[in-house]
Amino acid sequence: MLKNKPVYNYDIEECNQLFKKGVYPIGCGIGDKDGRVFHVFTANRRYFDMVKLINFEMNEKRQSNM
């Protein structure tokens, strides 16, 4: 039985930021219905913490540009 489930991320910019922060995918692919590229990550605490950090940094950047 799998302890960590897969997470499919279609946001390429967010994926690039995850790569820079040391979170690497376990796979990638192209969606059958829409043809968009996605990366597959392991759904663990590190992944979700980094996604929260990236979203926080993006919001801070947007607010500083206003």
PDB file of N, CA and C in Angstrom:
ATOM      1  N   MET A   1       0.836  -1.183   0.000  1.00  0.00           N
ATOM      2  CA  MET A   1       0.000   0.000   0.000  1.00  0.00           C
ATOM      3  C   MET A   1       0.880   1.246   0.000  1.00  0.00           C
ATOM      4  N   LEU A   2       0.478   2.235  -0.793  1.00  0.00           N
ATOM      5  CA  LEU A   2       1.260   3.463  -0.883  1.00  0.00           C
ATOM      6  C   LEU A   2       1.041   4.343   0.341  1.00  0.00           C
ATOM      7  N   LYS A   3       2.129   4.815   0.912  1.00  0.00           N
ATOM      8  CA  LYS A   3       2.017   5.748   2.027  1.00  0.00           C
ATOM      9  C   LYS A   3       1.826   7.164   1.512  1.00  0.00           C
ATOM     10  N   ASN A   4       2.486   7.485   0.410  1.00  0.00           N
ATOM     11  CA  ASN A   4       2.387   8.824  -0.171  1.00  0.00           C
ATOM     12  C   ASN A   4       1.697   8.736  -1.520  1.00  0.00           C
ATOM     13  N   LYS A   5       0.649   9.496  -1.663  1.00  0.00           N
ATOM     14  CA  LYS A   5      -0.107   9.497  -2.909  1.00  0.00           C
ATOM     15  C   LYS A   5       0.498  10.504  -3.882  1.00  0.00           C
ATOM     16  N   PRO A   6       0.236  10.340  -5.165  1.00  0.00           N
ATOM     17  CA  PRO A   6       0.746  11.296  -6.149  1.00  0.00           C
ATOM     18  C   PRO A   6      -0.111  12.559  -6.210  1.00  0.00           C
ATOM     19  N   VAL A   7       0.544  13.678  -6.545  1.00  0.00           N
ATOM     20  CA  VAL A   7      -0.128  14.951  -6.770  1.00  0.00           C
ATOM     21  C   VAL A   7       0.233  15.397  -8.176  1.00  0.00           C
ATOM     22  N   TYR A   8      -0.773  15.734  -8.977  1.00  0.00           N
ATOM     23  CA  TYR A   8      -0.557  16.186 -10.345  1.00  0.00           C
ATOM     24  C   TYR A   8      -0.600  17.701 -10.363  1.00  0.00           C
ATOM     25  N   ASN A   9       0.490  18.327 -10.788  1.00  0.00           N
ATOM     26  CA  ASN A   9       0.586  19.785 -10.794  1.00  0.00           C
ATOM     27  C   ASN A   9       0.687  20.267 -12.238  1.00  0.00           C
ATOM     28  N   TYR A  10      -0.294  21.064 -12.663  1.00  0.00           N
ATOM     29  CA  TYR A  10      -0.334  21.589 -14.031  1.00  0.00           C
ATOM     30  C   TYR A  10       0.253  22.994 -14.136  1.00  0.00           C
ATOM     31  N   ASP A  11       0.594  23.617 -13.013  1.00  0.00           N
ATOM     32  CA  ASP A  11       1.141  24.980 -13.004  1.00  0.00           C
ATOM     33  C   ASP A  11       2.654  24.908 -13.230  1.00  0.00           C
ATOM     34  N   ILE A  12       3.068  25.181 -14.465  1.00  0.00           N
ATOM     35  CA  ILE A  12       4.483  25.023 -14.841  1.00  0.00           C
ATOM     36  C   ILE A  12       5.378  26.001 -14.083  1.00  0.00           C
ATOM     37  N   GLU A  13       4.929  27.236 -13.880  1.00  0.00           N
ATOM     38  CA  GLU A  13       5.732  28.215 -13.130  1.00  0.00           C
ATOM     39  C   GLU A  13       5.939  27.740 -11.694  1.00  0.00           C
ATOM     40  N   GLU A  14       4.889  27.232 -11.079  1.00  0.00           N
ATOM     41  CA  GLU A  14       5.003  26.718  -9.721  1.00  0.00           C
ATOM     42  C   GLU A  14       5.945  25.517  -9.681  1.00  0.00           C
ATOM     43  N   CYS A  15       5.867  24.651 -10.692  1.00  0.00           N
ATOM     44  CA  CYS A  15       6.770  23.500 -10.769  1.00  0.00           C
ATOM     45  C   CYS A  15       8.222  23.951 -10.869  1.00  0.00           C
ATOM     46  N   ASN A  16       8.482  24.969 -11.668  1.00  0.00           N
ATOM     47  CA  ASN A  16       9.844  25.486 -11.787  1.00  0.00           C
ATOM     48  C   ASN A  16      10.357  25.999 -10.444  1.00  0.00           C
ATOM     49  N   GLN A  17       9.508  26.675  -9.696  1.00  0.00           N
ATOM     50  CA  GLN A  17       9.903  27.155  -8.374  1.00  0.00           C
ATOM     51  C   GLN A  17      10.153  25.991  -7.413  1.00  0.00           C
ATOM     52  N   LEU A  18       9.341  24.952  -7.525  1.00  0.00           N
ATOM     53  CA  LEU A  18       9.556  23.764  -6.688  1.00  0.00           C
ATOM     54  C   LEU A  18      10.903  23.118  -6.997  1.00  0.00           C
ATOM     55  N   PHE A  19      11.258  23.051  -8.285  1.00  0.00           N
ATOM     56  CA  PHE A  19      12.555  22.485  -8.669  1.00  0.00           C
ATOM     57  C   PHE A  19      13.690  23.286  -8.045  1.00  0.00           C
ATOM     58  N   LYS A  20      13.574  24.617  -8.085  1.00  0.00           N
ATOM     59  CA  LYS A  20      14.613  25.483  -7.524  1.00  0.00           C
ATOM     60  C   LYS A  20      14.742  25.311  -6.016  1.00  0.00           C
ATOM     61  N   LYS A  21      13.656  24.924  -5.356  1.00  0.00           N
ATOM     62  CA  LYS A  21      13.671  24.745  -3.901  1.00  0.00           C
ATOM     63  C   LYS A  21      14.004  23.309  -3.499  1.00  0.00           C
ATOM     64  N   GLY A  22      14.316  22.457  -4.478  1.00  0.00           N
ATOM     65  CA  GLY A  22      14.762  21.107  -4.166  1.00  0.00           C
ATOM     66  C   GLY A  22      13.677  20.059  -4.079  1.00  0.00           C
ATOM     67  N   VAL A  23      12.473  20.366  -4.567  1.00  0.00           N
ATOM     68  CA  VAL A  23      11.387  19.378  -4.606  1.00  0.00           C
ATOM     69  C   VAL A  23      11.295  18.896  -6.047  1.00  0.00           C
ATOM     70  N   TYR A  24      11.581  17.636  -6.263  1.00  0.00           N
ATOM     71  CA  TYR A  24      11.661  17.101  -7.619  1.00  0.00           C
ATOM     72  C   TYR A  24      10.508  16.144  -7.896  1.00  0.00           C
ATOM     73  N   PRO A  25      10.059  16.092  -9.138  1.00  0.00           N
ATOM     74  CA  PRO A  25       8.927  15.234  -9.492  1.00  0.00           C
ATOM     75  C   PRO A  25       9.321  13.768  -9.563  1.00  0.00           C
ATOM     76  N   ILE A  26       8.311  12.931  -9.464  1.00  0.00           N
ATOM     77  CA  ILE A  26       8.523  11.493  -9.650  1.00  0.00           C
ATOM     78  C   ILE A  26       8.091  11.083 -11.052  1.00  0.00           C
ATOM     79  N   GLY A  27       7.523  12.042 -11.795  1.00  0.00           N
ATOM     80  CA  GLY A  27       7.093  11.750 -13.158  1.00  0.00           C
ATOM     81  C   GLY A  27       6.529  12.986 -13.836  1.00  0.00           C
ATOM     82  N   CYS A  28       6.233  12.850 -15.117  1.00  0.00           N
ATOM     83  CA  CYS A  28       5.626  13.936 -15.875  1.00  0.00           C
ATOM     84  C   CYS A  28       4.807  13.323 -17.005  1.00  0.00           C
ATOM     85  N   GLY A  29       3.984  14.144 -17.625  1.00  0.00           N
ATOM     86  CA  GLY A  29       3.161  13.626 -18.700  1.00  0.00           C
ATOM     87  C   GLY A  29       2.369  14.714 -19.381  1.00  0.00           C
ATOM     88  N   ILE A  30       1.521  14.294 -20.306  1.00  0.00           N
ATOM     89  CA  ILE A  30       0.646  15.194 -21.044  1.00  0.00           C
ATOM     90  C   ILE A  30      -0.775  14.673 -20.869  1.00  0.00           C
ATOM     91  N   GLY A  31      -1.693  15.577 -20.513  1.00  0.00           N
ATOM     92  CA  GLY A  31      -3.081  15.192 -20.292  1.00  0.00           C
ATOM     93  C   GLY A  31      -3.739  14.676 -21.564  1.00  0.00           C
ATOM     94  N   ASP A  32      -4.516  13.613 -21.445  1.00  0.00           N
ATOM     95  CA  ASP A  32      -5.188  13.013 -22.598  1.00  0.00           C
ATOM     96  C   ASP A  32      -6.267  13.924 -23.171  1.00  0.00           C
ATOM     97  N   LYS A  33      -7.029  14.562 -22.315  1.00  0.00           N
ATOM     98  CA  LYS A  33      -8.162  15.361 -22.776  1.00  0.00           C
ATOM     99  C   LYS A  33      -7.762  16.743 -23.270  1.00  0.00           C
ATOM    100  N   ASP A  34      -6.885  17.417 -22.543  1.00  0.00           N
ATOM    101  CA  ASP A  34      -6.578  18.808 -22.887  1.00  0.00           C
ATOM    102  C   ASP A  34      -5.172  19.017 -23.440  1.00  0.00           C
ATOM    103  N   GLY A  35      -4.295  18.051 -23.331  1.00  0.00           N
ATOM    104  CA  GLY A  35      -2.952  18.164 -23.890  1.00  0.00           C
ATOM    105  C   GLY A  35      -1.999  19.033 -23.087  1.00  0.00           C
ATOM    106  N   ARG A  36      -2.389  19.393 -21.855  1.00  0.00           N
ATOM    107  CA  ARG A  36      -1.498  20.210 -21.023  1.00  0.00           C
ATOM    108  C   ARG A  36      -0.436  19.332 -20.365  1.00  0.00           C
ATOM    109  N   VAL A  37       0.722  19.914 -20.149  1.00  0.00           N
ATOM    110  CA  VAL A  37       1.829  19.219 -19.498  1.00  0.00           C
ATOM    111  C   VAL A  37       1.616  19.268 -17.985  1.00  0.00           C
ATOM    112  N   PHE A  38       1.929  18.165 -17.303  1.00  0.00           N
ATOM    113  CA  PHE A  38       1.857  18.133 -15.845  1.00  0.00           C
ATOM    114  C   PHE A  38       3.060  17.405 -15.281  1.00  0.00           C
ATOM    115  N   HIS A  39       3.345  17.702 -14.011  1.00  0.00           N
ATOM    116  CA  HIS A  39       4.386  17.002 -13.271  1.00  0.00           C
ATOM    117  C   HIS A  39       3.724  16.288 -12.099  1.00  0.00           C
ATOM    118  N   VAL A  40       4.247  15.131 -11.750  1.00  0.00           N
ATOM    119  CA  VAL A  40       3.707  14.332 -10.650  1.00  0.00           C
ATOM    120  C   VAL A  40       4.697  14.386  -9.492  1.00  0.00           C
ATOM    121  N   PHE A  41       4.192  14.798  -8.337  1.00  0.00           N
ATOM    122  CA  PHE A  41       5.003  14.875  -7.128  1.00  0.00           C
ATOM    123  C   PHE A  41       4.438  13.922  -6.088  1.00  0.00           C
ATOM    124  N   THR A  42       5.235  13.565  -5.115  1.00  0.00           N
ATOM    125  CA  THR A  42       4.770  12.785  -3.981  1.00  0.00           C
ATOM    126  C   THR A  42       4.074  13.727  -3.006  1.00  0.00           C
ATOM    127  N   ALA A  43       2.875  13.364  -2.584  1.00  0.00           N
ATOM    128  CA  ALA A  43       2.090  14.202  -1.672  1.00  0.00           C
ATOM    129  C   ALA A  43       2.608  14.023  -0.253  1.00  0.00           C
ATOM    130  N   ASN A  44       3.648  14.760   0.073  1.00  0.00           N
ATOM    131  CA  ASN A  44       4.181  14.697   1.430  1.00  0.00           C
ATOM    132  C   ASN A  44       4.227  16.112   2.021  1.00  0.00           C
ATOM    133  N   ARG A  45       4.616  16.212   3.258  1.00  0.00           N
ATOM    134  CA  ARG A  45       4.615  17.500   3.964  1.00  0.00           C
ATOM    135  C   ARG A  45       5.538  18.516   3.289  1.00  0.00           C
ATOM    136  N   ARG A  46       6.696  18.067   2.832  1.00  0.00           N
ATOM    137  CA  ARG A  46       7.655  18.979   2.196  1.00  0.00           C
ATOM    138  C   ARG A  46       7.047  19.624   0.953  1.00  0.00           C
ATOM    139  N   TYR A  47       6.361  18.834   0.127  1.00  0.00           N
ATOM    140  CA  TYR A  47       5.736  19.366  -1.082  1.00  0.00           C
ATOM    141  C   TYR A  47       4.736  20.464  -0.725  1.00  0.00           C
ATOM    142  N   PHE A  48       3.831  20.182   0.213  1.00  0.00           N
ATOM    143  CA  PHE A  48       2.798  21.148   0.551  1.00  0.00           C
ATOM    144  C   PHE A  48       3.368  22.380   1.249  1.00  0.00           C
ATOM    145  N   ASP A  49       4.398  22.214   2.076  1.00  0.00           N
ATOM    146  CA  ASP A  49       5.047  23.371   2.700  1.00  0.00           C
ATOM    147  C   ASP A  49       5.691  24.266   1.652  1.00  0.00           C
ATOM    148  N   MET A  50       6.336  23.679   0.662  1.00  0.00           N
ATOM    149  CA  MET A  50       6.980  24.475  -0.390  1.00  0.00           C
ATOM    150  C   MET A  50       5.955  25.176  -1.269  1.00  0.00           C
ATOM    151  N   VAL A  51       4.824  24.525  -1.538  1.00  0.00           N
ATOM    152  CA  VAL A  51       3.759  25.171  -2.330  1.00  0.00           C
ATOM    153  C   VAL A  51       3.225  26.387  -1.574  1.00  0.00           C
ATOM    154  N   LYS A  52       3.030  26.255  -0.272  1.00  0.00           N
ATOM    155  CA  LYS A  52       2.578  27.393   0.539  1.00  0.00           C
ATOM    156  C   LYS A  52       3.607  28.519   0.515  1.00  0.00           C
ATOM    157  N   LEU A  53       4.878  28.179   0.634  1.00  0.00           N
ATOM    158  CA  LEU A  53       5.944  29.176   0.604  1.00  0.00           C
ATOM    159  C   LEU A  53       5.987  29.892  -0.741  1.00  0.00           C
ATOM    160  N   ILE A  54       5.865  29.165  -1.827  1.00  0.00           N
ATOM    161  CA  ILE A  54       5.894  29.754  -3.165  1.00  0.00           C
ATOM    162  C   ILE A  54       4.710  30.699  -3.351  1.00  0.00           C
ATOM    163  N   ASN A  55       3.518  30.278  -2.914  1.00  0.00           N
ATOM    164  CA  ASN A  55       2.343  31.144  -3.027  1.00  0.00           C
ATOM    165  C   ASN A  55       2.514  32.406  -2.195  1.00  0.00           C
ATOM    166  N   PHE A  56       3.086  32.288  -1.004  1.00  0.00           N
ATOM    167  CA  PHE A  56       3.347  33.450  -0.166  1.00  0.00           C
ATOM    168  C   PHE A  56       4.329  34.405  -0.847  1.00  0.00           C
ATOM    169  N   GLU A  57       5.415  33.853  -1.397  1.00  0.00           N
ATOM    170  CA  GLU A  57       6.409  34.685  -2.081  1.00  0.00           C
ATOM    171  C   GLU A  57       5.811  35.386  -3.302  1.00  0.00           C
ATOM    172  N   MET A  58       4.956  34.698  -4.056  1.00  0.00           N
ATOM    173  CA  MET A  58       4.323  35.309  -5.228  1.00  0.00           C
ATOM    174  C   MET A  58       3.384  36.443  -4.821  1.00  0.00           C
ATOM    175  N   ASN A  59       2.625  36.237  -3.721  1.00  0.00           N
ATOM    176  CA  ASN A  59       1.745  37.293  -3.237  1.00  0.00           C
ATOM    177  C   ASN A  59       2.537  38.509  -2.759  1.00  0.00           C
ATOM    178  N   GLU A  60       3.635  38.283  -2.059  1.00  0.00           N
ATOM    179  CA  GLU A  60       4.488  39.378  -1.599  1.00  0.00           C
ATOM    180  C   GLU A  60       5.060  40.149  -2.784  1.00  0.00           C
ATOM    181  N   LYS A  61       5.461  39.431  -3.811  1.00  0.00           N
ATOM    182  CA  LYS A  61       6.018  40.076  -4.997  1.00  0.00           C
ATOM    183  C   LYS A  61       4.969  40.932  -5.693  1.00  0.00           C
ATOM    184  N   ARG A  62       3.735  40.402  -5.812  1.00  0.00           N
ATOM    185  CA  ARG A  62       2.644  41.159  -6.433  1.00  0.00           C
ATOM    186  C   ARG A  62       2.325  42.422  -5.649  1.00  0.00           C
ATOM    187  N   GLN A  63       2.307  42.315  -4.327  1.00  0.00           N
ATOM    188  CA  GLN A  63       1.977  43.471  -3.478  1.00  0.00           C
ATOM    189  C   GLN A  63       3.076  44.522  -3.539  1.00  0.00           C
ATOM    190  N   SER A  64       4.318  44.114  -3.663  1.00  0.00           N
ATOM    191  CA  SER A  64       5.408  45.084  -3.719  1.00  0.00           C
ATOM    192  C   SER A  64       5.447  45.825  -5.065  1.00  0.00           C
ATOM    193  N   ASN A  65       4.860  45.226  -6.097  1.00  0.00           N
ATOM    194  CA  ASN A  65       4.827  45.871  -7.409  1.00  0.00           C
ATOM    195  C   ASN A  65       3.714  46.890  -7.532  1.00  0.00           C
ATOM    196  N   MET A  66       2.769  46.922  -6.578  1.00  0.00           N
ATOM    197  CA  MET A  66       1.643  47.856  -6.646  1.00  0.00           C
ATOM    198  C   MET A  66       2.013  49.207  -6.178  1.00  0.00           C
TER     199      MET A  66
END
